[in-house]
Amino acid sequence: MQTGRKKELPRRSRYYQSVADVSTTSTGAKYRNLPDNILIFICVFDPFDRDLPRYTFQYTCDEDPTLKLQDGSLRIFLNTTANHLDSLDQKLQAFYHYLQEGAVESELAQIISESITTLKNNSLERRHYMTWAVKMADARYDGYDEGYEKGISVGLEQGRATGREEGAYQTKLETARRLVIRGFSAEDIADLTGLDLLQIEELGD
């Protein structure tokens, strides 16, 4: 799952796909025994800015786009922020709704929701879940980029510092907001994020 807008995402997908091929193929294996390789990125941003809910890539011939290489590789990028999901089947639409709003509308969403609940109820795994939430939010927010743009007028180094500060604060707010929705106590959220209780209580209003 990708939560941060990374410019190198296409090359990252190429690397992941090659690693998957190497890890699933034994030395001396026949090429015909190479399994199909389907790589799926779940993105909480639009990776290609076309507002498509899904981007599917496979190798085609430049001279004849109807000719596909058929090497068994496929890369799929799911854009969970797309405005129109009509082209997706109902199960995938329900999955998108779960990622966007936490709405449990399918068996898959139910399984994911129950798994998260189990993690939250286990004291050790609960801490791991909260740490994971912080990392997710940290990757999601691009306050650094905003600060960098401001640096054009106020100085590059100052812009970087501003971006780091704004990104860190927005990360804390989003993490706290998600944890409030998930039912964590204000005290636990304050301990994890460093926000004061008043700020956290305002998020729940």
N, C-alpha and C. Protein backbone atom coordinates (compact mmCIF):
# COMPACT_ATOMS: atom_id res chain seq x y z
N MET A 1 0.86 -1.19 0.00
CA MET A 1 0.00 0.00 0.00
C MET A 1 0.89 1.23 0.00
N GLN A 2 0.54 2.19 -0.89
CA GLN A 2 1.33 3.40 -1.01
C GLN A 2 0.54 4.58 -0.47
N THR A 3 1.08 5.28 0.52
CA THR A 3 0.38 6.40 1.12
C THR A 3 1.05 7.73 0.83
N GLY A 4 2.23 7.70 0.22
CA GLY A 4 2.93 8.94 -0.08
C GLY A 4 3.13 9.08 -1.57
N ARG A 5 3.02 10.32 -2.06
CA ARG A 5 3.15 10.57 -3.49
C ARG A 5 4.64 10.53 -3.87
N LYS A 6 5.09 9.37 -4.29
CA LYS A 6 6.50 9.19 -4.62
C LYS A 6 6.70 9.22 -6.13
N LYS A 7 7.58 10.11 -6.58
CA LYS A 7 7.79 10.27 -8.01
C LYS A 7 8.41 9.02 -8.63
N GLU A 8 9.11 8.23 -7.82
CA GLU A 8 9.79 7.05 -8.37
C GLU A 8 8.91 5.81 -8.35
N LEU A 9 7.62 5.97 -8.15
CA LEU A 9 6.72 4.83 -8.03
C LEU A 9 6.80 3.87 -9.22
N PRO A 10 6.81 4.34 -10.47
CA PRO A 10 6.93 3.40 -11.60
C PRO A 10 8.21 2.56 -11.54
N ARG A 11 9.33 3.17 -11.22
CA ARG A 11 10.58 2.41 -11.12
C ARG A 11 10.57 1.51 -9.89
N ARG A 12 9.92 1.97 -8.83
CA ARG A 12 9.79 1.14 -7.64
C ARG A 12 9.00 -0.13 -8.00
N SER A 13 7.95 0.02 -8.80
CA SER A 13 7.16 -1.14 -9.20
C SER A 13 7.99 -2.10 -10.06
N ARG A 14 8.84 -1.55 -10.89
CA ARG A 14 9.73 -2.38 -11.70
C ARG A 14 10.67 -3.20 -10.81
N TYR A 15 11.20 -2.54 -9.78
CA TYR A 15 12.11 -3.22 -8.86
C TYR A 15 11.38 -4.33 -8.10
N TYR A 16 10.19 -4.01 -7.56
CA TYR A 16 9.43 -5.01 -6.81
C TYR A 16 9.10 -6.22 -7.67
N GLN A 17 8.78 -5.95 -8.92
CA GLN A 17 8.41 -7.05 -9.80
C GLN A 17 9.61 -7.95 -10.07
N SER A 18 10.78 -7.36 -10.26
CA SER A 18 11.97 -8.16 -10.50
C SER A 18 12.36 -8.97 -9.26
N VAL A 19 12.22 -8.36 -8.08
CA VAL A 19 12.51 -9.07 -6.84
C VAL A 19 11.57 -10.25 -6.66
N ALA A 20 10.30 -10.05 -7.00
CA ALA A 20 9.32 -11.13 -6.88
C ALA A 20 9.68 -12.28 -7.81
N ASP A 21 10.14 -11.98 -9.02
CA ASP A 21 10.53 -13.03 -9.96
C ASP A 21 11.71 -13.83 -9.42
N VAL A 22 12.70 -13.13 -8.90
CA VAL A 22 13.89 -13.81 -8.39
C VAL A 22 13.54 -14.68 -7.18
N SER A 23 12.68 -14.16 -6.30
CA SER A 23 12.38 -14.89 -5.07
C SER A 23 11.49 -16.11 -5.30
N THR A 24 10.79 -16.15 -6.42
CA THR A 24 9.88 -17.28 -6.67
C THR A 24 10.44 -18.26 -7.70
N THR A 25 11.67 -18.03 -8.13
CA THR A 25 12.26 -18.90 -9.16
C THR A 25 13.56 -19.52 -8.64
N SER A 26 13.63 -20.82 -8.67
CA SER A 26 14.83 -21.51 -8.21
C SER A 26 15.89 -21.53 -9.31
N THR A 27 17.13 -21.69 -8.90
CA THR A 27 18.24 -21.73 -9.85
C THR A 27 18.06 -22.91 -10.81
N GLY A 28 18.22 -22.63 -12.09
CA GLY A 28 18.11 -23.69 -13.09
C GLY A 28 16.70 -23.98 -13.55
N ALA A 29 15.73 -23.23 -13.04
CA ALA A 29 14.34 -23.47 -13.42
C ALA A 29 14.11 -23.07 -14.87
N LYS A 30 13.18 -23.75 -15.51
CA LYS A 30 12.85 -23.44 -16.90
C LYS A 30 12.05 -22.13 -16.95
N TYR A 31 12.30 -21.34 -17.98
CA TYR A 31 11.59 -20.08 -18.11
C TYR A 31 10.09 -20.30 -18.23
N ARG A 32 9.71 -21.42 -18.85
CA ARG A 32 8.28 -21.68 -19.02
C ARG A 32 7.58 -21.93 -17.69
N ASN A 33 8.39 -22.24 -16.67
CA ASN A 33 7.81 -22.47 -15.35
C ASN A 33 7.72 -21.20 -14.51
N LEU A 34 8.17 -20.09 -15.07
CA LEU A 34 8.11 -18.82 -14.34
C LEU A 34 6.64 -18.45 -14.13
N PRO A 35 6.21 -18.26 -12.90
CA PRO A 35 4.80 -17.96 -12.65
C PRO A 35 4.42 -16.56 -13.10
N ASP A 36 3.13 -16.35 -13.32
CA ASP A 36 2.65 -15.01 -13.64
C ASP A 36 2.96 -14.09 -12.46
N ASN A 37 3.27 -12.85 -12.78
CA ASN A 37 3.66 -11.88 -11.76
C ASN A 37 2.70 -10.69 -11.83
N ILE A 38 1.81 -10.60 -10.86
CA ILE A 38 0.85 -9.50 -10.80
C ILE A 38 1.17 -8.65 -9.58
N LEU A 39 1.56 -7.43 -9.82
CA LEU A 39 1.95 -6.51 -8.75
C LEU A 39 0.85 -5.46 -8.59
N ILE A 40 0.34 -5.31 -7.37
CA ILE A 40 -0.75 -4.38 -7.11
C ILE A 40 -0.31 -3.34 -6.08
N PHE A 41 -0.43 -2.07 -6.45
CA PHE A 41 -0.18 -0.97 -5.53
C PHE A 41 -1.52 -0.34 -5.16
N ILE A 42 -1.81 -0.26 -3.87
CA ILE A 42 -3.01 0.42 -3.40
C ILE A 42 -2.60 1.82 -2.98
N CYS A 43 -3.05 2.83 -3.72
CA CYS A 43 -2.61 4.20 -3.50
C CYS A 43 -3.74 5.05 -2.95
N VAL A 44 -3.45 5.82 -1.91
CA VAL A 44 -4.44 6.77 -1.37
C VAL A 44 -4.18 8.15 -1.97
N PHE A 45 -3.74 8.16 -3.20
CA PHE A 45 -3.57 9.36 -4.00
C PHE A 45 -3.64 8.90 -5.45
N ASP A 46 -3.78 9.83 -6.37
CA ASP A 46 -3.84 9.49 -7.79
C ASP A 46 -2.42 9.43 -8.34
N PRO A 47 -1.87 8.24 -8.60
CA PRO A 47 -0.46 8.14 -8.99
C PRO A 47 -0.14 8.71 -10.37
N PHE A 48 -1.16 8.88 -11.23
CA PHE A 48 -0.90 9.37 -12.58
C PHE A 48 -1.79 10.56 -12.96
N ASP A 49 -2.54 11.07 -11.99
CA ASP A 49 -3.32 12.30 -12.16
C ASP A 49 -4.28 12.25 -13.35
N ARG A 50 -4.90 11.10 -13.57
CA ARG A 50 -5.91 10.98 -14.63
C ARG A 50 -7.31 10.70 -14.07
N ASP A 51 -7.42 10.64 -12.76
CA ASP A 51 -8.68 10.37 -12.07
C ASP A 51 -9.30 9.03 -12.49
N LEU A 52 -8.46 8.07 -12.81
CA LEU A 52 -8.94 6.72 -13.09
C LEU A 52 -8.88 5.92 -11.80
N PRO A 53 -9.87 5.09 -11.53
CA PRO A 53 -9.83 4.30 -10.30
C PRO A 53 -8.79 3.19 -10.32
N ARG A 54 -8.41 2.79 -11.53
CA ARG A 54 -7.42 1.72 -11.66
C ARG A 54 -6.58 1.95 -12.91
N TYR A 55 -5.27 1.76 -12.76
CA TYR A 55 -4.34 1.85 -13.89
C TYR A 55 -3.67 0.48 -14.04
N THR A 56 -3.84 -0.12 -15.22
CA THR A 56 -3.28 -1.44 -15.47
C THR A 56 -2.23 -1.34 -16.57
N PHE A 57 -1.04 -1.85 -16.29
CA PHE A 57 0.06 -1.76 -17.25
C PHE A 57 0.59 -3.16 -17.59
N GLN A 58 0.80 -3.35 -18.89
CA GLN A 58 1.50 -4.53 -19.37
C GLN A 58 2.24 -4.13 -20.64
N TYR A 59 3.25 -4.90 -20.97
CA TYR A 59 4.10 -4.53 -22.09
C TYR A 59 3.37 -4.69 -23.42
N THR A 60 3.46 -3.65 -24.25
CA THR A 60 2.90 -3.70 -25.60
C THR A 60 3.95 -3.24 -26.60
N CYS A 61 3.70 -3.53 -27.85
CA CYS A 61 4.63 -3.16 -28.92
C CYS A 61 4.37 -1.71 -29.33
N ASP A 62 5.42 -0.89 -29.37
CA ASP A 62 5.26 0.51 -29.77
C ASP A 62 4.71 0.63 -31.19
N GLU A 63 5.19 -0.26 -32.07
CA GLU A 63 4.77 -0.19 -33.47
C GLU A 63 3.34 -0.69 -33.68
N ASP A 64 2.90 -1.57 -32.80
CA ASP A 64 1.54 -2.11 -32.90
C ASP A 64 1.00 -2.30 -31.49
N PRO A 65 0.34 -1.29 -30.92
CA PRO A 65 -0.13 -1.36 -29.54
C PRO A 65 -1.09 -2.51 -29.26
N THR A 66 -1.67 -3.08 -30.32
CA THR A 66 -2.57 -4.22 -30.09
C THR A 66 -1.80 -5.51 -29.80
N LEU A 67 -0.48 -5.49 -30.06
CA LEU A 67 0.36 -6.66 -29.81
C LEU A 67 0.93 -6.59 -28.40
N LYS A 68 0.56 -7.56 -27.58
CA LYS A 68 1.04 -7.60 -26.20
C LYS A 68 2.13 -8.66 -26.06
N LEU A 69 3.10 -8.36 -25.22
CA LEU A 69 4.24 -9.27 -25.05
C LEU A 69 3.83 -10.58 -24.41
N GLN A 70 2.83 -10.53 -23.53
CA GLN A 70 2.32 -11.73 -22.85
C GLN A 70 3.44 -12.49 -22.12
N ASP A 71 4.19 -11.74 -21.33
CA ASP A 71 5.27 -12.35 -20.54
C ASP A 71 4.80 -12.75 -19.14
N GLY A 72 3.51 -12.59 -18.89
CA GLY A 72 2.98 -13.00 -17.59
C GLY A 72 3.10 -11.95 -16.50
N SER A 73 3.55 -10.74 -16.86
CA SER A 73 3.71 -9.67 -15.85
C SER A 73 2.61 -8.64 -16.01
N LEU A 74 2.17 -8.12 -14.88
CA LEU A 74 1.10 -7.15 -14.87
C LEU A 74 1.29 -6.25 -13.66
N ARG A 75 1.14 -4.94 -13.87
CA ARG A 75 1.23 -3.99 -12.77
C ARG A 75 -0.07 -3.21 -12.69
N ILE A 76 -0.65 -3.19 -11.50
CA ILE A 76 -1.93 -2.52 -11.29
C ILE A 76 -1.78 -1.50 -10.17
N PHE A 77 -2.23 -0.29 -10.44
CA PHE A 77 -2.22 0.77 -9.43
C PHE A 77 -3.66 1.14 -9.14
N LEU A 78 -4.09 0.94 -7.91
CA LEU A 78 -5.45 1.27 -7.51
C LEU A 78 -5.46 2.68 -6.91
N ASN A 79 -6.27 3.55 -7.49
CA ASN A 79 -6.38 4.93 -7.03
C ASN A 79 -7.65 5.05 -6.19
N THR A 80 -7.52 4.97 -4.88
CA THR A 80 -8.70 4.97 -4.01
C THR A 80 -9.33 6.35 -3.85
N THR A 81 -8.73 7.38 -4.46
CA THR A 81 -9.29 8.73 -4.37
C THR A 81 -10.08 9.10 -5.62
N ALA A 82 -10.25 8.18 -6.54
CA ALA A 82 -10.95 8.48 -7.79
C ALA A 82 -12.38 8.93 -7.51
N ASN A 83 -12.87 9.86 -8.31
CA ASN A 83 -14.22 10.39 -8.12
C ASN A 83 -15.30 9.46 -8.68
N HIS A 84 -14.95 8.66 -9.66
CA HIS A 84 -15.93 7.78 -10.29
C HIS A 84 -15.42 6.33 -10.24
N LEU A 85 -16.22 5.46 -9.64
CA LEU A 85 -15.82 4.06 -9.47
C LEU A 85 -16.69 3.12 -10.30
N ASP A 86 -17.49 3.66 -11.23
CA ASP A 86 -18.44 2.85 -11.97
C ASP A 86 -17.78 1.73 -12.78
N SER A 87 -16.54 1.94 -13.18
CA SER A 87 -15.86 0.93 -14.01
C SER A 87 -15.38 -0.27 -13.19
N LEU A 88 -15.46 -0.19 -11.87
CA LEU A 88 -15.02 -1.26 -11.00
C LEU A 88 -16.20 -2.17 -10.63
N ASP A 89 -15.89 -3.43 -10.35
CA ASP A 89 -16.96 -4.30 -9.89
C ASP A 89 -17.34 -3.92 -8.46
N GLN A 90 -18.48 -4.44 -8.00
CA GLN A 90 -19.02 -4.03 -6.71
C GLN A 90 -18.10 -4.36 -5.54
N LYS A 91 -17.43 -5.50 -5.61
CA LYS A 91 -16.54 -5.89 -4.52
C LYS A 91 -15.39 -4.90 -4.38
N LEU A 92 -14.83 -4.49 -5.52
CA LEU A 92 -13.71 -3.55 -5.48
C LEU A 92 -14.20 -2.17 -5.05
N GLN A 93 -15.39 -1.79 -5.47
CA GLN A 93 -15.95 -0.51 -5.02
C GLN A 93 -16.11 -0.51 -3.50
N ALA A 94 -16.59 -1.63 -2.96
CA ALA A 94 -16.77 -1.74 -1.51
C ALA A 94 -15.43 -1.65 -0.80
N PHE A 95 -14.38 -2.23 -1.40
CA PHE A 95 -13.05 -2.15 -0.83
C PHE A 95 -12.56 -0.70 -0.80
N TYR A 96 -12.81 0.04 -1.88
CA TYR A 96 -12.43 1.44 -1.94
C TYR A 96 -13.16 2.23 -0.84
N HIS A 97 -14.45 1.97 -0.69
CA HIS A 97 -15.23 2.68 0.32
C HIS A 97 -14.69 2.40 1.72
N TYR A 98 -14.23 1.19 1.93
CA TYR A 98 -13.68 0.86 3.24
C TYR A 98 -12.40 1.66 3.49
N LEU A 99 -11.53 1.73 2.49
CA LEU A 99 -10.28 2.47 2.64
C LEU A 99 -10.54 3.96 2.82
N GLN A 100 -11.57 4.48 2.15
CA GLN A 100 -11.85 5.91 2.20
C GLN A 100 -12.61 6.31 3.47
N GLU A 101 -13.59 5.50 3.84
CA GLU A 101 -14.51 5.91 4.89
C GLU A 101 -14.64 4.92 6.05
N GLY A 102 -14.00 3.76 5.92
CA GLY A 102 -14.14 2.74 6.95
C GLY A 102 -15.47 2.01 6.88
N ALA A 103 -16.18 2.15 5.75
CA ALA A 103 -17.50 1.51 5.59
C ALA A 103 -17.33 0.03 5.26
N VAL A 104 -17.95 -0.83 6.05
CA VAL A 104 -17.87 -2.28 5.84
C VAL A 104 -19.05 -2.70 4.98
N GLU A 105 -18.79 -2.91 3.68
CA GLU A 105 -19.86 -3.23 2.74
C GLU A 105 -19.62 -4.54 1.99
N SER A 106 -18.57 -5.27 2.34
CA SER A 106 -18.28 -6.51 1.64
C SER A 106 -17.61 -7.49 2.59
N GLU A 107 -17.50 -8.74 2.16
CA GLU A 107 -16.86 -9.76 2.97
C GLU A 107 -15.39 -9.43 3.21
N LEU A 108 -14.72 -8.92 2.16
CA LEU A 108 -13.31 -8.56 2.29
C LEU A 108 -13.14 -7.44 3.31
N ALA A 109 -13.98 -6.41 3.21
CA ALA A 109 -13.90 -5.30 4.17
C ALA A 109 -14.17 -5.79 5.58
N GLN A 110 -15.08 -6.74 5.72
CA GLN A 110 -15.40 -7.29 7.03
C GLN A 110 -14.20 -8.01 7.62
N ILE A 111 -13.50 -8.78 6.78
CA ILE A 111 -12.31 -9.51 7.24
C ILE A 111 -11.23 -8.54 7.69
N ILE A 112 -11.01 -7.48 6.90
CA ILE A 112 -10.00 -6.48 7.24
C ILE A 112 -10.37 -5.78 8.53
N SER A 113 -11.64 -5.39 8.65
CA SER A 113 -12.11 -4.69 9.84
C SER A 113 -11.95 -5.56 11.08
N GLU A 114 -12.31 -6.84 10.99
CA GLU A 114 -12.19 -7.73 12.14
C GLU A 114 -10.73 -7.95 12.52
N SER A 115 -9.85 -8.01 11.52
CA SER A 115 -8.42 -8.19 11.79
C SER A 115 -7.86 -7.00 12.55
N ILE A 116 -8.29 -5.79 12.15
CA ILE A 116 -7.83 -4.58 12.83
C ILE A 116 -8.34 -4.55 14.26
N THR A 117 -9.60 -4.96 14.44
CA THR A 117 -10.18 -4.99 15.79
C THR A 117 -9.41 -5.95 16.68
N THR A 118 -9.04 -7.11 16.13
CA THR A 118 -8.26 -8.10 16.89
C THR A 118 -6.92 -7.51 17.31
N LEU A 119 -6.28 -6.78 16.40
CA LEU A 119 -4.99 -6.16 16.71
C LEU A 119 -5.14 -5.12 17.81
N LYS A 120 -6.22 -4.34 17.74
CA LYS A 120 -6.44 -3.29 18.74
C LYS A 120 -6.71 -3.86 20.12
N ASN A 121 -7.32 -5.04 20.18
CA ASN A 121 -7.67 -5.64 21.47
C ASN A 121 -6.50 -6.37 22.13
N ASN A 122 -5.45 -6.58 21.36
CA ASN A 122 -4.26 -7.21 21.90
C ASN A 122 -3.29 -6.10 22.30
N SER A 123 -2.90 -6.06 23.57
CA SER A 123 -2.11 -4.93 24.07
C SER A 123 -0.82 -4.71 23.30
N LEU A 124 -0.09 -5.79 22.98
CA LEU A 124 1.17 -5.64 22.26
C LEU A 124 0.92 -5.27 20.81
N GLU A 125 0.01 -5.98 20.17
CA GLU A 125 -0.28 -5.70 18.78
C GLU A 125 -0.94 -4.34 18.62
N ARG A 126 -1.65 -3.90 19.66
CA ARG A 126 -2.29 -2.59 19.62
C ARG A 126 -1.25 -1.49 19.47
N ARG A 127 -0.15 -1.61 20.21
CA ARG A 127 0.93 -0.63 20.10
C ARG A 127 1.54 -0.67 18.70
N HIS A 128 1.68 -1.89 18.15
CA HIS A 128 2.22 -2.02 16.79
C HIS A 128 1.28 -1.35 15.79
N TYR A 129 -0.02 -1.53 16.00
CA TYR A 129 -1.00 -0.93 15.10
C TYR A 129 -0.91 0.60 15.14
N MET A 130 -0.78 1.16 16.32
CA MET A 130 -0.70 2.60 16.45
C MET A 130 0.57 3.13 15.80
N THR A 131 1.68 2.39 15.97
CA THR A 131 2.93 2.79 15.33
C THR A 131 2.78 2.74 13.82
N TRP A 132 2.09 1.71 13.34
CA TRP A 132 1.84 1.58 11.91
C TRP A 132 1.02 2.76 11.40
N ALA A 133 0.03 3.19 12.18
CA ALA A 133 -0.82 4.31 11.79
C ALA A 133 0.00 5.58 11.66
N VAL A 134 0.95 5.76 12.56
CA VAL A 134 1.82 6.93 12.48
C VAL A 134 2.63 6.92 11.19
N LYS A 135 3.18 5.77 10.86
CA LYS A 135 3.99 5.66 9.64
C LYS A 135 3.14 5.91 8.41
N MET A 136 1.91 5.42 8.42
CA MET A 136 1.01 5.61 7.29
C MET A 136 0.73 7.10 7.09
N ALA A 137 0.40 7.78 8.17
CA ALA A 137 0.07 9.20 8.06
C ALA A 137 1.30 10.02 7.69
N ASP A 138 2.45 9.62 8.22
CA ASP A 138 3.69 10.34 7.93
C ASP A 138 4.01 10.27 6.44
N ALA A 139 3.76 9.12 5.84
CA ALA A 139 4.03 8.97 4.41
C ALA A 139 3.00 9.71 3.57
N ARG A 140 1.79 9.87 4.13
CA ARG A 140 0.70 10.43 3.36
C ARG A 140 0.81 11.93 3.15
N TYR A 141 1.25 12.62 4.15
CA TYR A 141 1.23 14.08 4.08
C TYR A 141 2.50 14.66 3.49
N ASP A 142 2.33 15.60 2.62
CA ASP A 142 3.46 16.16 1.90
C ASP A 142 3.72 17.60 2.33
N GLY A 143 3.68 17.83 3.62
CA GLY A 143 3.97 19.17 4.12
C GLY A 143 5.36 19.63 3.74
N TYR A 144 6.27 18.67 3.60
CA TYR A 144 7.62 19.03 3.19
C TYR A 144 7.60 19.74 1.84
N ASP A 145 6.81 19.20 0.90
CA ASP A 145 6.74 19.79 -0.42
C ASP A 145 6.19 21.21 -0.36
N GLU A 146 5.17 21.44 0.50
CA GLU A 146 4.62 22.78 0.63
C GLU A 146 5.68 23.75 1.14
N GLY A 147 6.43 23.29 2.11
CA GLY A 147 7.49 24.14 2.65
C GLY A 147 8.57 24.41 1.63
N TYR A 148 8.83 23.40 0.82
CA TYR A 148 9.85 23.57 -0.22
C TYR A 148 9.43 24.66 -1.20
N GLU A 149 8.15 24.67 -1.58
CA GLU A 149 7.67 25.68 -2.50
C GLU A 149 7.75 27.07 -1.87
N LYS A 150 7.44 27.16 -0.60
CA LYS A 150 7.56 28.45 0.08
C LYS A 150 9.01 28.91 0.11
N GLY A 151 9.92 27.96 0.07
CA GLY A 151 11.33 28.28 0.12
C GLY A 151 11.79 29.10 -1.06
N ILE A 152 11.01 29.08 -2.15
CA ILE A 152 11.37 29.88 -3.32
C ILE A 152 11.43 31.36 -2.95
N SER A 153 10.53 31.77 -2.05
CA SER A 153 10.49 33.19 -1.68
C SER A 153 11.20 33.49 -0.37
N VAL A 154 11.28 32.53 0.53
CA VAL A 154 11.87 32.83 1.84
C VAL A 154 13.22 32.17 2.06
N GLY A 155 13.70 31.48 1.05
CA GLY A 155 15.00 30.83 1.18
C GLY A 155 14.84 29.33 1.25
N LEU A 156 15.67 28.63 0.51
CA LEU A 156 15.53 27.19 0.38
C LEU A 156 15.60 26.46 1.71
N GLU A 157 16.58 26.77 2.53
CA GLU A 157 16.75 26.07 3.80
C GLU A 157 15.58 26.34 4.74
N GLN A 158 15.14 27.60 4.77
CA GLN A 158 14.00 27.93 5.62
C GLN A 158 12.74 27.20 5.13
N GLY A 159 12.60 27.10 3.81
CA GLY A 159 11.46 26.39 3.25
C GLY A 159 11.47 24.93 3.64
N ARG A 160 12.63 24.32 3.62
CA ARG A 160 12.73 22.92 4.02
C ARG A 160 12.33 22.74 5.49
N ALA A 161 12.83 23.66 6.32
CA ALA A 161 12.49 23.58 7.74
C ALA A 161 10.99 23.76 7.95
N THR A 162 10.40 24.72 7.25
CA THR A 162 8.96 24.95 7.35
C THR A 162 8.18 23.73 6.91
N GLY A 163 8.63 23.13 5.83
CA GLY A 163 7.96 21.93 5.32
C GLY A 163 8.00 20.79 6.31
N ARG A 164 9.15 20.60 6.94
CA ARG A 164 9.26 19.52 7.93
C ARG A 164 8.33 19.76 9.11
N GLU A 165 8.28 21.02 9.57
CA GLU A 165 7.42 21.34 10.71
C GLU A 165 5.95 21.16 10.37
N GLU A 166 5.54 21.68 9.22
CA GLU A 166 4.14 21.57 8.82
C GLU A 166 3.76 20.12 8.56
N GLY A 167 4.67 19.38 7.92
CA GLY A 167 4.39 17.98 7.65
C GLY A 167 4.23 17.17 8.92
N ALA A 168 5.10 17.44 9.91
CA ALA A 168 5.03 16.72 11.18
C ALA A 168 3.73 17.02 11.91
N TYR A 169 3.32 18.30 11.89
CA TYR A 169 2.10 18.68 12.59
C TYR A 169 0.87 18.06 11.91
N GLN A 170 0.82 18.15 10.59
CA GLN A 170 -0.31 17.57 9.87
C GLN A 170 -0.37 16.06 10.04
N THR A 171 0.80 15.43 10.13
CA THR A 171 0.86 13.99 10.37
C THR A 171 0.23 13.65 11.71
N LYS A 172 0.57 14.43 12.74
CA LYS A 172 0.01 14.19 14.07
C LYS A 172 -1.51 14.35 14.07
N LEU A 173 -2.00 15.40 13.41
CA LEU A 173 -3.43 15.64 13.38
C LEU A 173 -4.17 14.52 12.67
N GLU A 174 -3.66 14.10 11.52
CA GLU A 174 -4.33 13.04 10.77
C GLU A 174 -4.28 11.72 11.51
N THR A 175 -3.15 11.43 12.13
CA THR A 175 -3.03 10.20 12.92
C THR A 175 -4.03 10.21 14.07
N ALA A 176 -4.10 11.35 14.77
CA ALA A 176 -5.04 11.47 15.89
C ALA A 176 -6.47 11.32 15.41
N ARG A 177 -6.80 11.92 14.28
CA ARG A 177 -8.16 11.84 13.74
C ARG A 177 -8.54 10.40 13.43
N ARG A 178 -7.63 9.66 12.82
CA ARG A 178 -7.91 8.27 12.49
C ARG A 178 -8.05 7.41 13.74
N LEU A 179 -7.23 7.67 14.74
CA LEU A 179 -7.30 6.89 15.97
C LEU A 179 -8.56 7.20 16.77
N VAL A 180 -9.02 8.45 16.67
CA VAL A 180 -10.29 8.80 17.32
C VAL A 180 -11.42 7.99 16.70
N ILE A 181 -11.41 7.93 15.34
CA ILE A 181 -12.44 7.17 14.64
C ILE A 181 -12.39 5.70 15.02
N ARG A 182 -11.17 5.20 15.24
CA ARG A 182 -11.01 3.78 15.58
C ARG A 182 -11.33 3.48 17.04
N GLY A 183 -11.58 4.51 17.83
CA GLY A 183 -12.02 4.28 19.20
C GLY A 183 -10.95 4.32 20.26
N PHE A 184 -9.76 4.81 19.94
CA PHE A 184 -8.71 4.89 20.94
C PHE A 184 -9.00 6.03 21.92
N SER A 185 -8.53 5.89 23.13
CA SER A 185 -8.77 6.92 24.13
C SER A 185 -7.92 8.16 23.83
N ALA A 186 -8.41 9.32 24.31
CA ALA A 186 -7.68 10.56 24.10
C ALA A 186 -6.31 10.52 24.76
N GLU A 187 -6.22 9.85 25.91
CA GLU A 187 -4.94 9.76 26.63
C GLU A 187 -3.92 8.97 25.81
N ASP A 188 -4.35 7.84 25.23
CA ASP A 188 -3.44 7.04 24.41
C ASP A 188 -2.99 7.82 23.19
N ILE A 189 -3.92 8.52 22.58
CA ILE A 189 -3.58 9.28 21.37
C ILE A 189 -2.61 10.40 21.71
N ALA A 190 -2.84 11.06 22.83
CA ALA A 190 -1.94 12.14 23.25
C ALA A 190 -0.55 11.60 23.52
N ASP A 191 -0.48 10.42 24.14
CA ASP A 191 0.81 9.81 24.46
C ASP A 191 1.57 9.46 23.18
N LEU A 192 0.84 9.03 22.16
CA LEU A 192 1.49 8.60 20.92
C LEU A 192 1.90 9.77 20.04
N THR A 193 1.01 10.76 19.91
CA THR A 193 1.24 11.83 18.94
C THR A 193 1.92 13.07 19.52
N GLY A 194 1.81 13.25 20.84
CA GLY A 194 2.38 14.46 21.43
C GLY A 194 1.43 15.63 21.42
N LEU A 195 0.22 15.46 20.88
CA LEU A 195 -0.79 16.53 20.90
C LEU A 195 -1.40 16.62 22.30
N ASP A 196 -1.93 17.80 22.65
CA ASP A 196 -2.57 17.90 23.96
C ASP A 196 -4.01 17.41 23.87
N LEU A 197 -4.61 17.13 25.01
CA LEU A 197 -5.94 16.53 25.07
C LEU A 197 -7.00 17.42 24.43
N LEU A 198 -6.85 18.74 24.57
CA LEU A 198 -7.83 19.67 24.00
C LEU A 198 -7.87 19.55 22.48
N GLN A 199 -6.70 19.48 21.87
CA GLN A 199 -6.64 19.33 20.42
C GLN A 199 -7.32 18.03 19.98
N ILE A 200 -7.07 16.98 20.72
CA ILE A 200 -7.65 15.67 20.36
C ILE A 200 -9.15 15.68 20.55
N GLU A 201 -9.63 16.30 21.62
CA GLU A 201 -11.08 16.38 21.86
C GLU A 201 -11.77 17.17 20.77
N GLU A 202 -11.11 18.21 20.25
CA GLU A 202 -11.70 19.00 19.17
C GLU A 202 -11.84 18.19 17.90
N LEU A 203 -10.96 17.23 17.69
CA LEU A 203 -11.04 16.37 16.50
C LEU A 203 -12.29 15.51 16.53
N GLY A 204 -12.76 15.17 17.73
CA GLY A 204 -13.92 14.32 17.86
C GLY A 204 -15.25 15.06 17.77
N ASP A 205 -15.21 16.39 17.72
CA ASP A 205 -16.45 17.17 17.67
C ASP A 205 -17.12 17.12 16.30
